[in-house]
N, C-alpha and C. Protein backbone atom coordinates (compact mmCIF):
# COMPACT_ATOMS: atom_id res chain seq x y z
N MET A 1 16.09 12.75 -1.74
CA MET A 1 14.72 12.87 -1.27
C MET A 1 14.29 11.54 -0.65
N LYS A 2 13.53 11.61 0.41
CA LYS A 2 13.08 10.41 1.11
C LYS A 2 11.55 10.36 1.11
N PHE A 3 11.03 9.13 1.02
CA PHE A 3 9.58 8.91 1.02
C PHE A 3 9.23 7.76 1.94
N LEU A 4 8.04 7.84 2.52
CA LEU A 4 7.48 6.75 3.31
C LEU A 4 6.45 6.04 2.45
N VAL A 5 6.62 4.73 2.27
CA VAL A 5 5.65 3.92 1.54
C VAL A 5 4.99 3.02 2.57
N LEU A 6 3.78 3.38 2.96
CA LEU A 6 3.03 2.64 3.97
C LEU A 6 2.20 1.57 3.27
N CYS A 7 2.63 0.33 3.40
CA CYS A 7 2.02 -0.81 2.70
C CYS A 7 1.04 -1.47 3.66
N LEU A 8 -0.25 -1.35 3.39
CA LEU A 8 -1.26 -1.82 4.34
C LEU A 8 -1.55 -3.31 4.23
N GLY A 9 -1.85 -3.90 5.37
CA GLY A 9 -2.20 -5.31 5.46
C GLY A 9 -2.37 -5.68 6.92
N ASN A 10 -2.48 -6.96 7.16
CA ASN A 10 -2.60 -7.49 8.52
C ASN A 10 -1.43 -8.43 8.78
N ILE A 11 -0.87 -8.34 9.99
CA ILE A 11 0.25 -9.22 10.34
C ILE A 11 -0.27 -10.60 10.72
N GLY A 12 0.59 -11.58 10.62
CA GLY A 12 0.26 -12.94 11.01
C GLY A 12 0.15 -13.86 9.82
N PRO A 13 0.58 -15.11 9.99
CA PRO A 13 0.59 -16.07 8.88
C PRO A 13 -0.80 -16.35 8.30
N GLU A 14 -1.84 -16.22 9.10
CA GLU A 14 -3.19 -16.49 8.60
C GLU A 14 -3.64 -15.45 7.57
N TYR A 15 -2.97 -14.29 7.52
CA TYR A 15 -3.34 -13.24 6.58
C TYR A 15 -2.35 -13.11 5.42
N ALA A 16 -1.25 -13.83 5.48
CA ALA A 16 -0.10 -13.61 4.60
C ALA A 16 -0.44 -13.48 3.12
N ASP A 17 -1.20 -14.36 2.56
CA ASP A 17 -1.46 -14.34 1.12
C ASP A 17 -2.88 -13.93 0.76
N THR A 18 -3.50 -13.15 1.62
CA THR A 18 -4.88 -12.76 1.37
C THR A 18 -4.97 -11.48 0.55
N ARG A 19 -6.12 -11.28 -0.05
CA ARG A 19 -6.34 -10.09 -0.88
C ARG A 19 -6.11 -8.80 -0.08
N HIS A 20 -6.53 -8.81 1.18
CA HIS A 20 -6.41 -7.61 2.02
C HIS A 20 -4.95 -7.24 2.27
N ASN A 21 -4.04 -8.17 2.03
CA ASN A 21 -2.61 -7.94 2.28
C ASN A 21 -1.84 -7.58 1.02
N VAL A 22 -2.52 -7.16 -0.01
CA VAL A 22 -1.82 -6.84 -1.25
C VAL A 22 -0.85 -5.67 -1.05
N GLY A 23 -1.14 -4.78 -0.12
CA GLY A 23 -0.20 -3.70 0.20
C GLY A 23 1.12 -4.27 0.70
N PHE A 24 1.04 -5.25 1.61
CA PHE A 24 2.26 -5.93 2.10
C PHE A 24 2.99 -6.59 0.93
N MET A 25 2.22 -7.19 0.01
CA MET A 25 2.83 -7.89 -1.12
C MET A 25 3.61 -6.93 -2.01
N VAL A 26 3.09 -5.72 -2.21
CA VAL A 26 3.80 -4.72 -3.01
C VAL A 26 5.10 -4.34 -2.30
N GLY A 27 5.04 -4.14 -0.99
CA GLY A 27 6.25 -3.83 -0.22
C GLY A 27 7.27 -4.96 -0.30
N ASP A 28 6.80 -6.19 -0.16
CA ASP A 28 7.71 -7.35 -0.25
C ASP A 28 8.34 -7.45 -1.64
N TYR A 29 7.55 -7.17 -2.67
CA TYR A 29 8.06 -7.21 -4.04
C TYR A 29 9.20 -6.18 -4.21
N LEU A 30 8.97 -4.96 -3.74
CA LEU A 30 10.00 -3.92 -3.84
C LEU A 30 11.25 -4.30 -3.06
N ALA A 31 11.06 -4.82 -1.85
CA ALA A 31 12.19 -5.20 -1.01
C ALA A 31 13.03 -6.29 -1.69
N ARG A 32 12.36 -7.28 -2.29
CA ARG A 32 13.06 -8.36 -3.01
C ARG A 32 13.80 -7.82 -4.22
N LYS A 33 13.10 -7.05 -5.03
CA LYS A 33 13.65 -6.58 -6.30
C LYS A 33 14.86 -5.68 -6.09
N TYR A 34 14.86 -4.89 -5.04
CA TYR A 34 15.94 -3.93 -4.81
C TYR A 34 16.86 -4.35 -3.67
N ASP A 35 16.87 -5.65 -3.36
CA ASP A 35 17.80 -6.22 -2.38
C ASP A 35 17.85 -5.43 -1.07
N ALA A 36 16.69 -5.14 -0.53
CA ALA A 36 16.62 -4.41 0.74
C ALA A 36 17.14 -5.28 1.87
N ALA A 37 17.56 -4.64 2.93
CA ALA A 37 17.94 -5.36 4.15
C ALA A 37 16.69 -6.08 4.66
N PRO A 38 16.86 -7.12 5.48
CA PRO A 38 15.68 -7.79 6.03
C PRO A 38 14.76 -6.80 6.77
N TRP A 39 13.47 -7.08 6.74
CA TRP A 39 12.51 -6.24 7.45
C TRP A 39 12.87 -6.23 8.93
N ALA A 40 12.87 -5.06 9.53
CA ALA A 40 13.18 -4.91 10.96
C ALA A 40 11.93 -4.46 11.70
N LEU A 41 11.70 -5.04 12.86
CA LEU A 41 10.54 -4.65 13.66
C LEU A 41 10.85 -3.35 14.39
N GLY A 42 10.06 -2.35 14.11
CA GLY A 42 10.16 -1.06 14.78
C GLY A 42 8.83 -0.76 15.44
N ARG A 43 8.68 0.44 15.91
CA ARG A 43 7.41 0.81 16.55
C ARG A 43 6.30 0.87 15.51
N HIS A 44 5.27 0.11 15.73
CA HIS A 44 4.06 0.06 14.89
C HIS A 44 4.27 -0.48 13.48
N ALA A 45 5.47 -0.95 13.12
CA ALA A 45 5.66 -1.45 11.75
C ALA A 45 6.97 -2.21 11.60
N PHE A 46 6.98 -3.11 10.63
CA PHE A 46 8.21 -3.67 10.11
C PHE A 46 8.67 -2.70 9.03
N THR A 47 9.96 -2.39 8.99
CA THR A 47 10.46 -1.45 7.99
C THR A 47 11.73 -1.97 7.33
N THR A 48 11.96 -1.47 6.15
CA THR A 48 13.22 -1.64 5.42
C THR A 48 13.28 -0.46 4.46
N GLU A 49 14.36 -0.32 3.74
CA GLU A 49 14.41 0.77 2.77
C GLU A 49 15.12 0.34 1.50
N ILE A 50 14.73 1.01 0.44
CA ILE A 50 15.37 0.79 -0.85
C ILE A 50 15.79 2.14 -1.41
N LYS A 51 16.72 2.09 -2.34
CA LYS A 51 17.15 3.30 -3.02
C LYS A 51 16.94 3.08 -4.52
N HIS A 52 16.46 4.15 -5.17
CA HIS A 52 16.23 4.08 -6.61
C HIS A 52 16.35 5.48 -7.19
N LYS A 53 17.24 5.63 -8.16
CA LYS A 53 17.43 6.90 -8.86
C LYS A 53 17.58 8.09 -7.90
N GLY A 54 18.42 7.92 -6.89
CA GLY A 54 18.71 9.01 -5.96
C GLY A 54 17.68 9.24 -4.88
N HIS A 55 16.63 8.42 -4.86
CA HIS A 55 15.58 8.56 -3.85
C HIS A 55 15.64 7.39 -2.88
N THR A 56 15.28 7.66 -1.64
CA THR A 56 15.18 6.62 -0.62
C THR A 56 13.71 6.40 -0.31
N TYR A 57 13.31 5.14 -0.34
CA TYR A 57 11.93 4.76 -0.03
C TYR A 57 11.96 3.91 1.23
N VAL A 58 11.39 4.42 2.31
CA VAL A 58 11.26 3.63 3.53
C VAL A 58 9.95 2.86 3.40
N LEU A 59 10.07 1.55 3.31
CA LEU A 59 8.89 0.69 3.19
C LEU A 59 8.46 0.31 4.60
N ALA A 60 7.18 0.44 4.89
CA ALA A 60 6.67 0.11 6.22
C ALA A 60 5.43 -0.76 6.10
N LYS A 61 5.43 -1.87 6.84
CA LYS A 61 4.27 -2.76 6.93
C LYS A 61 3.77 -2.67 8.37
N PRO A 62 2.65 -1.97 8.59
CA PRO A 62 2.17 -1.76 9.96
C PRO A 62 1.90 -3.08 10.70
N THR A 63 2.21 -3.07 11.99
CA THR A 63 1.93 -4.21 12.87
C THR A 63 0.66 -3.96 13.67
N THR A 64 -0.06 -2.92 13.31
CA THR A 64 -1.24 -2.48 14.07
C THR A 64 -2.53 -3.11 13.57
N TYR A 65 -2.44 -3.94 12.56
CA TYR A 65 -3.60 -4.43 11.82
C TYR A 65 -4.20 -3.28 11.02
N MET A 66 -4.90 -3.63 9.97
CA MET A 66 -5.41 -2.68 9.00
C MET A 66 -6.17 -1.51 9.64
N ASN A 67 -7.08 -1.83 10.56
CA ASN A 67 -7.99 -0.82 11.08
C ASN A 67 -7.32 0.23 11.96
N LEU A 68 -6.05 0.04 12.31
CA LEU A 68 -5.33 1.01 13.13
C LEU A 68 -4.07 1.52 12.43
N SER A 69 -4.10 1.53 11.11
CA SER A 69 -2.93 1.91 10.31
C SER A 69 -2.47 3.34 10.55
N GLY A 70 -3.35 4.19 11.03
CA GLY A 70 -2.98 5.58 11.30
C GLY A 70 -1.88 5.72 12.33
N LYS A 71 -1.83 4.80 13.29
CA LYS A 71 -0.76 4.84 14.30
C LYS A 71 0.60 4.73 13.63
N ALA A 72 0.74 3.79 12.69
CA ALA A 72 2.01 3.61 11.99
C ALA A 72 2.31 4.83 11.11
N ALA A 73 1.30 5.34 10.41
CA ALA A 73 1.51 6.51 9.55
C ALA A 73 2.03 7.69 10.36
N ALA A 74 1.36 8.01 11.45
CA ALA A 74 1.76 9.16 12.26
C ALA A 74 3.16 8.97 12.86
N HIS A 75 3.41 7.77 13.38
CA HIS A 75 4.70 7.53 14.02
C HIS A 75 5.85 7.65 13.02
N TRP A 76 5.72 6.99 11.87
CA TRP A 76 6.83 6.97 10.92
C TRP A 76 7.01 8.30 10.19
N LEU A 77 5.94 9.03 9.94
CA LEU A 77 6.11 10.38 9.39
C LEU A 77 6.90 11.24 10.37
N SER A 78 6.55 11.16 11.65
CA SER A 78 7.24 11.93 12.68
C SER A 78 8.70 11.49 12.84
N THR A 79 8.91 10.18 12.94
CA THR A 79 10.26 9.64 13.14
C THR A 79 11.19 10.00 11.98
N LEU A 80 10.67 9.92 10.77
CA LEU A 80 11.48 10.21 9.58
C LEU A 80 11.51 11.70 9.23
N LYS A 81 10.72 12.49 9.98
CA LYS A 81 10.61 13.93 9.74
C LYS A 81 10.16 14.23 8.31
N LEU A 82 9.11 13.53 7.91
CA LEU A 82 8.55 13.69 6.58
C LEU A 82 7.17 14.35 6.66
N THR A 83 6.75 14.93 5.56
CA THR A 83 5.40 15.51 5.48
C THR A 83 4.45 14.48 4.87
N LYS A 84 3.17 14.76 4.97
CA LYS A 84 2.16 13.88 4.35
C LYS A 84 2.40 13.75 2.85
N GLU A 85 2.93 14.81 2.24
CA GLU A 85 3.17 14.80 0.79
C GLU A 85 4.30 13.84 0.41
N GLN A 86 5.07 13.40 1.39
CA GLN A 86 6.16 12.45 1.13
C GLN A 86 5.75 11.02 1.48
N MET A 87 4.47 10.80 1.70
CA MET A 87 3.98 9.47 2.04
C MET A 87 3.05 8.96 0.94
N LEU A 88 3.21 7.69 0.61
CA LEU A 88 2.30 6.99 -0.30
C LEU A 88 1.78 5.77 0.45
N VAL A 89 0.46 5.64 0.52
CA VAL A 89 -0.17 4.48 1.15
C VAL A 89 -0.58 3.51 0.05
N VAL A 90 -0.22 2.25 0.19
CA VAL A 90 -0.56 1.22 -0.79
C VAL A 90 -1.57 0.28 -0.14
N THR A 91 -2.73 0.13 -0.78
CA THR A 91 -3.79 -0.67 -0.17
C THR A 91 -4.64 -1.38 -1.23
N ASP A 92 -5.46 -2.30 -0.75
CA ASP A 92 -6.38 -3.03 -1.62
C ASP A 92 -7.63 -2.18 -1.88
N ASP A 93 -8.36 -2.52 -2.94
CA ASP A 93 -9.60 -1.81 -3.25
C ASP A 93 -10.59 -2.76 -3.92
N LEU A 94 -11.72 -2.95 -3.26
CA LEU A 94 -12.79 -3.81 -3.78
C LEU A 94 -13.48 -3.21 -5.01
N ALA A 95 -13.45 -1.90 -5.15
CA ALA A 95 -14.19 -1.24 -6.23
C ALA A 95 -13.47 -1.31 -7.58
N LEU A 96 -12.24 -1.79 -7.58
CA LEU A 96 -11.48 -1.88 -8.82
C LEU A 96 -11.34 -3.34 -9.25
N PRO A 97 -11.32 -3.60 -10.56
CA PRO A 97 -11.09 -4.96 -11.05
C PRO A 97 -9.71 -5.44 -10.60
N PHE A 98 -9.54 -6.76 -10.55
CA PHE A 98 -8.28 -7.33 -10.09
C PHE A 98 -7.08 -6.73 -10.83
N GLY A 99 -6.11 -6.25 -10.06
CA GLY A 99 -4.86 -5.75 -10.61
C GLY A 99 -4.89 -4.33 -11.15
N LYS A 100 -6.08 -3.74 -11.27
CA LYS A 100 -6.17 -2.36 -11.75
C LYS A 100 -5.63 -1.44 -10.66
N LEU A 101 -4.85 -0.45 -11.07
CA LEU A 101 -4.27 0.50 -10.13
C LEU A 101 -4.95 1.85 -10.26
N ARG A 102 -5.08 2.54 -9.13
CA ARG A 102 -5.63 3.89 -9.13
C ARG A 102 -4.83 4.70 -8.11
N LEU A 103 -4.20 5.77 -8.57
CA LEU A 103 -3.42 6.65 -7.70
C LEU A 103 -4.18 7.95 -7.52
N LYS A 104 -4.28 8.39 -6.28
CA LYS A 104 -4.94 9.67 -5.97
C LYS A 104 -4.06 10.44 -5.00
N ALA A 105 -4.09 11.77 -5.14
CA ALA A 105 -3.30 12.64 -4.26
C ALA A 105 -4.01 12.89 -2.94
N LYS A 106 -5.33 12.72 -2.94
CA LYS A 106 -6.14 12.93 -1.73
C LYS A 106 -7.51 12.36 -2.00
N GLY A 107 -8.36 12.37 -0.98
CA GLY A 107 -9.73 11.93 -1.19
C GLY A 107 -10.27 11.12 -0.04
N SER A 108 -11.46 10.62 -0.23
CA SER A 108 -12.14 9.88 0.83
C SER A 108 -11.49 8.51 1.01
N ALA A 109 -11.84 7.89 2.13
CA ALA A 109 -11.34 6.55 2.42
C ALA A 109 -12.04 5.50 1.57
N GLY A 110 -13.18 5.84 1.01
CA GLY A 110 -13.90 4.92 0.14
C GLY A 110 -14.27 3.61 0.82
N GLY A 111 -14.54 3.67 2.13
CA GLY A 111 -14.93 2.47 2.85
C GLY A 111 -13.76 1.60 3.30
N GLN A 112 -12.54 1.99 2.99
CA GLN A 112 -11.36 1.21 3.38
C GLN A 112 -10.96 1.64 4.79
N ASN A 113 -11.05 0.71 5.75
CA ASN A 113 -10.85 1.06 7.15
C ASN A 113 -9.43 1.51 7.48
N GLY A 114 -8.43 0.99 6.78
CA GLY A 114 -7.06 1.45 7.00
C GLY A 114 -6.91 2.91 6.63
N LEU A 115 -7.44 3.29 5.46
CA LEU A 115 -7.39 4.69 5.03
C LEU A 115 -8.20 5.57 5.96
N LYS A 116 -9.33 5.06 6.41
CA LYS A 116 -10.18 5.83 7.32
C LYS A 116 -9.42 6.17 8.61
N HIS A 117 -8.71 5.19 9.17
CA HIS A 117 -7.97 5.44 10.41
C HIS A 117 -6.80 6.39 10.17
N ILE A 118 -6.14 6.28 9.02
CA ILE A 118 -5.06 7.21 8.70
C ILE A 118 -5.60 8.63 8.65
N GLN A 119 -6.74 8.81 7.98
CA GLN A 119 -7.34 10.14 7.87
C GLN A 119 -7.74 10.68 9.23
N GLU A 120 -8.31 9.84 10.08
CA GLU A 120 -8.69 10.27 11.43
C GLU A 120 -7.46 10.66 12.23
N THR A 121 -6.40 9.86 12.14
CA THR A 121 -5.19 10.10 12.92
C THR A 121 -4.44 11.33 12.45
N LEU A 122 -4.31 11.50 11.14
CA LEU A 122 -3.58 12.65 10.60
C LEU A 122 -4.44 13.90 10.52
N GLY A 123 -5.76 13.73 10.65
CA GLY A 123 -6.66 14.87 10.56
C GLY A 123 -6.75 15.44 9.16
N SER A 124 -6.49 14.60 8.17
CA SER A 124 -6.49 15.08 6.79
C SER A 124 -6.65 13.91 5.83
N ASP A 125 -7.25 14.21 4.68
CA ASP A 125 -7.32 13.21 3.62
C ASP A 125 -6.34 13.56 2.50
N GLU A 126 -5.45 14.51 2.76
CA GLU A 126 -4.51 14.98 1.76
C GLU A 126 -3.17 14.24 1.86
N TYR A 127 -3.20 13.01 1.42
CA TYR A 127 -2.00 12.18 1.30
C TYR A 127 -2.26 11.24 0.13
N ALA A 128 -1.20 10.83 -0.54
CA ALA A 128 -1.34 9.99 -1.73
C ALA A 128 -1.65 8.56 -1.33
N ARG A 129 -2.47 7.91 -2.16
CA ARG A 129 -2.78 6.50 -1.96
C ARG A 129 -2.83 5.80 -3.30
N LEU A 130 -2.21 4.63 -3.31
CA LEU A 130 -2.22 3.77 -4.50
C LEU A 130 -3.11 2.59 -4.17
N ARG A 131 -4.22 2.52 -4.87
CA ARG A 131 -5.18 1.43 -4.65
C ARG A 131 -4.94 0.34 -5.67
N PHE A 132 -4.91 -0.90 -5.19
CA PHE A 132 -4.68 -2.08 -6.02
C PHE A 132 -5.99 -2.86 -6.04
N GLY A 133 -6.58 -3.01 -7.21
CA GLY A 133 -7.87 -3.68 -7.33
C GLY A 133 -7.83 -5.15 -6.96
N ILE A 134 -8.79 -5.54 -6.12
CA ILE A 134 -8.93 -6.95 -5.75
C ILE A 134 -10.27 -7.51 -6.21
N ASP A 135 -11.04 -6.68 -6.95
CA ASP A 135 -12.34 -7.07 -7.48
C ASP A 135 -13.36 -7.21 -6.35
N SER A 136 -14.57 -7.52 -6.71
CA SER A 136 -15.62 -7.67 -5.70
C SER A 136 -16.49 -8.88 -6.03
N SER A 137 -15.84 -9.99 -6.32
CA SER A 137 -16.54 -11.21 -6.71
C SER A 137 -16.93 -12.03 -5.48
N PHE A 138 -17.82 -11.46 -4.67
CA PHE A 138 -18.26 -12.19 -3.48
C PHE A 138 -19.77 -12.06 -3.34
N SER A 139 -20.35 -13.03 -2.66
CA SER A 139 -21.79 -13.04 -2.42
C SER A 139 -22.14 -12.01 -1.34
N LYS A 140 -23.37 -11.56 -1.37
CA LYS A 140 -23.84 -10.59 -0.39
C LYS A 140 -23.54 -11.09 1.03
N GLY A 141 -22.97 -10.20 1.84
CA GLY A 141 -22.65 -10.53 3.22
C GLY A 141 -21.34 -11.30 3.39
N ARG A 142 -20.59 -11.53 2.31
CA ARG A 142 -19.36 -12.33 2.38
C ARG A 142 -18.10 -11.49 2.15
N GLN A 143 -18.21 -10.17 2.29
CA GLN A 143 -17.07 -9.29 2.01
C GLN A 143 -15.86 -9.63 2.87
N VAL A 144 -16.05 -9.81 4.16
CA VAL A 144 -14.93 -10.09 5.06
C VAL A 144 -14.24 -11.39 4.66
N ASP A 145 -15.03 -12.43 4.41
CA ASP A 145 -14.44 -13.70 3.98
C ASP A 145 -13.66 -13.53 2.68
N TYR A 146 -14.18 -12.72 1.77
CA TYR A 146 -13.55 -12.52 0.48
C TYR A 146 -12.20 -11.81 0.62
N VAL A 147 -12.17 -10.69 1.34
CA VAL A 147 -10.91 -9.94 1.43
C VAL A 147 -9.87 -10.70 2.25
N LEU A 148 -10.31 -11.59 3.13
CA LEU A 148 -9.38 -12.36 3.95
C LEU A 148 -9.09 -13.74 3.36
N SER A 149 -9.42 -13.91 2.07
CA SER A 149 -9.11 -15.17 1.39
C SER A 149 -8.00 -14.93 0.37
N PRO A 150 -7.31 -16.01 -0.03
CA PRO A 150 -6.23 -15.87 -1.02
C PRO A 150 -6.78 -15.52 -2.40
N PHE A 151 -5.90 -15.02 -3.24
CA PHE A 151 -6.28 -14.78 -4.63
C PHE A 151 -6.60 -16.11 -5.29
N SER A 152 -7.44 -16.07 -6.31
CA SER A 152 -7.81 -17.29 -7.04
C SER A 152 -6.61 -17.80 -7.84
N ALA A 153 -6.72 -19.03 -8.34
CA ALA A 153 -5.66 -19.61 -9.16
C ALA A 153 -5.41 -18.75 -10.39
N ASP A 154 -6.48 -18.28 -11.05
CA ASP A 154 -6.33 -17.43 -12.23
C ASP A 154 -5.65 -16.10 -11.87
N GLU A 155 -6.04 -15.51 -10.74
CA GLU A 155 -5.43 -14.25 -10.31
C GLU A 155 -3.95 -14.45 -9.98
N ASN A 156 -3.63 -15.58 -9.36
CA ASN A 156 -2.24 -15.85 -8.99
C ASN A 156 -1.32 -15.92 -10.21
N ILE A 157 -1.86 -16.35 -11.35
CA ILE A 157 -1.06 -16.41 -12.58
C ILE A 157 -0.58 -15.01 -12.96
N GLU A 158 -1.44 -14.01 -12.76
CA GLU A 158 -1.13 -12.64 -13.14
C GLU A 158 -0.57 -11.79 -12.01
N LEU A 159 -0.60 -12.30 -10.78
CA LEU A 159 -0.29 -11.48 -9.61
C LEU A 159 1.10 -10.85 -9.66
N GLU A 160 2.12 -11.61 -10.01
CA GLU A 160 3.48 -11.08 -10.02
C GLU A 160 3.62 -9.89 -10.97
N ALA A 161 3.03 -10.00 -12.15
CA ALA A 161 3.09 -8.90 -13.13
C ALA A 161 2.35 -7.68 -12.62
N ARG A 162 1.24 -7.89 -11.93
CA ARG A 162 0.47 -6.77 -11.37
C ARG A 162 1.22 -6.11 -10.22
N LEU A 163 1.90 -6.93 -9.40
CA LEU A 163 2.71 -6.37 -8.31
C LEU A 163 3.85 -5.54 -8.89
N GLU A 164 4.42 -5.99 -10.00
CA GLU A 164 5.49 -5.23 -10.65
C GLU A 164 4.99 -3.86 -11.10
N LYS A 165 3.80 -3.80 -11.67
CA LYS A 165 3.22 -2.52 -12.11
C LYS A 165 2.99 -1.60 -10.91
N ALA A 166 2.51 -2.17 -9.80
CA ALA A 166 2.30 -1.37 -8.59
C ALA A 166 3.64 -0.85 -8.06
N ALA A 167 4.67 -1.70 -8.08
CA ALA A 167 6.00 -1.29 -7.63
C ALA A 167 6.53 -0.15 -8.51
N GLU A 168 6.31 -0.24 -9.80
CA GLU A 168 6.74 0.83 -10.72
C GLU A 168 6.02 2.13 -10.38
N ALA A 169 4.75 2.05 -10.02
CA ALA A 169 3.99 3.24 -9.65
C ALA A 169 4.54 3.87 -8.37
N VAL A 170 4.95 3.04 -7.41
CA VAL A 170 5.54 3.54 -6.16
C VAL A 170 6.82 4.32 -6.48
N LEU A 171 7.68 3.75 -7.30
CA LEU A 171 8.94 4.40 -7.64
C LEU A 171 8.70 5.68 -8.44
N ALA A 172 7.72 5.67 -9.32
CA ALA A 172 7.38 6.85 -10.10
C ALA A 172 6.87 7.97 -9.20
N PHE A 173 6.13 7.61 -8.16
CA PHE A 173 5.64 8.60 -7.20
C PHE A 173 6.82 9.43 -6.65
N GLY A 174 7.90 8.77 -6.31
CA GLY A 174 9.07 9.47 -5.81
C GLY A 174 9.81 10.23 -6.89
N ALA A 175 9.96 9.63 -8.05
CA ALA A 175 10.75 10.22 -9.12
C ALA A 175 10.03 11.35 -9.86
N LEU A 176 8.73 11.19 -10.07
CA LEU A 176 7.98 12.14 -10.90
C LEU A 176 7.02 13.03 -10.12
N GLY A 177 6.66 12.62 -8.91
CA GLY A 177 5.63 13.33 -8.16
C GLY A 177 4.27 12.72 -8.41
N VAL A 178 3.34 13.03 -7.53
CA VAL A 178 2.04 12.37 -7.58
C VAL A 178 1.24 12.75 -8.84
N GLU A 179 1.25 14.01 -9.24
CA GLU A 179 0.42 14.44 -10.38
C GLU A 179 0.87 13.76 -11.68
N ARG A 180 2.16 13.78 -11.96
CA ARG A 180 2.67 13.16 -13.19
C ARG A 180 2.48 11.64 -13.15
N THR A 181 2.65 11.06 -11.99
CA THR A 181 2.48 9.61 -11.88
C THR A 181 1.02 9.23 -12.08
N MET A 182 0.09 10.06 -11.60
CA MET A 182 -1.33 9.80 -11.82
C MET A 182 -1.64 9.72 -13.31
N ASN A 183 -1.00 10.58 -14.10
CA ASN A 183 -1.23 10.58 -15.56
C ASN A 183 -0.78 9.29 -16.21
N VAL A 184 0.19 8.62 -15.62
CA VAL A 184 0.70 7.36 -16.15
C VAL A 184 -0.11 6.18 -15.63
N VAL A 185 -0.38 6.18 -14.32
CA VAL A 185 -1.02 5.04 -13.66
C VAL A 185 -2.52 4.96 -13.96
N ASN A 186 -3.18 6.10 -13.97
CA ASN A 186 -4.63 6.12 -14.05
C ASN A 186 -5.18 6.11 -15.47
N VAL A 187 -4.47 5.49 -16.41
CA VAL A 187 -4.97 5.40 -17.78
C VAL A 187 -6.10 4.39 -17.84
N LYS A 188 -7.00 4.58 -18.78
CA LYS A 188 -8.18 3.70 -18.90
C LYS A 188 -7.82 2.30 -19.25
């Protein structure tokens, strides 16, 4: 079985370690841990793949910037001949505390512009998304600065362990399916 893991973020060194790029960080963590081939530049995304327990996960980091992530989703689903049900989108979420994970099989974009563009492009909100909490510790009117800033020193201490949990959720999505994985990931 094959899956597309669309890891959202923004390309460019100025965005590399920012909160908004936590989706890219999850993809990079998986690629490192499972000795993936180097990321290759393809249409609308850098891609690589990993294998785990008989499943293939095509990891994709869109080159379209966050707000146009739907282009990468549509292209890679088509290229790989996969359905929306075989795609998991990994993204940041301001509404969740730092490192908290939330997996959903479908739903609204919740103000996340990458998810919004994917929904507009695919014409559906019925695709799985794994949200990684980045907290909302910013002053009024400073949201953009906050999401485009690096994690704090305290957050960085825990970041690797949180990325590992997110990576485990990605692999469980393929091995167990979205419903069973939600029961594991979405615990209080």
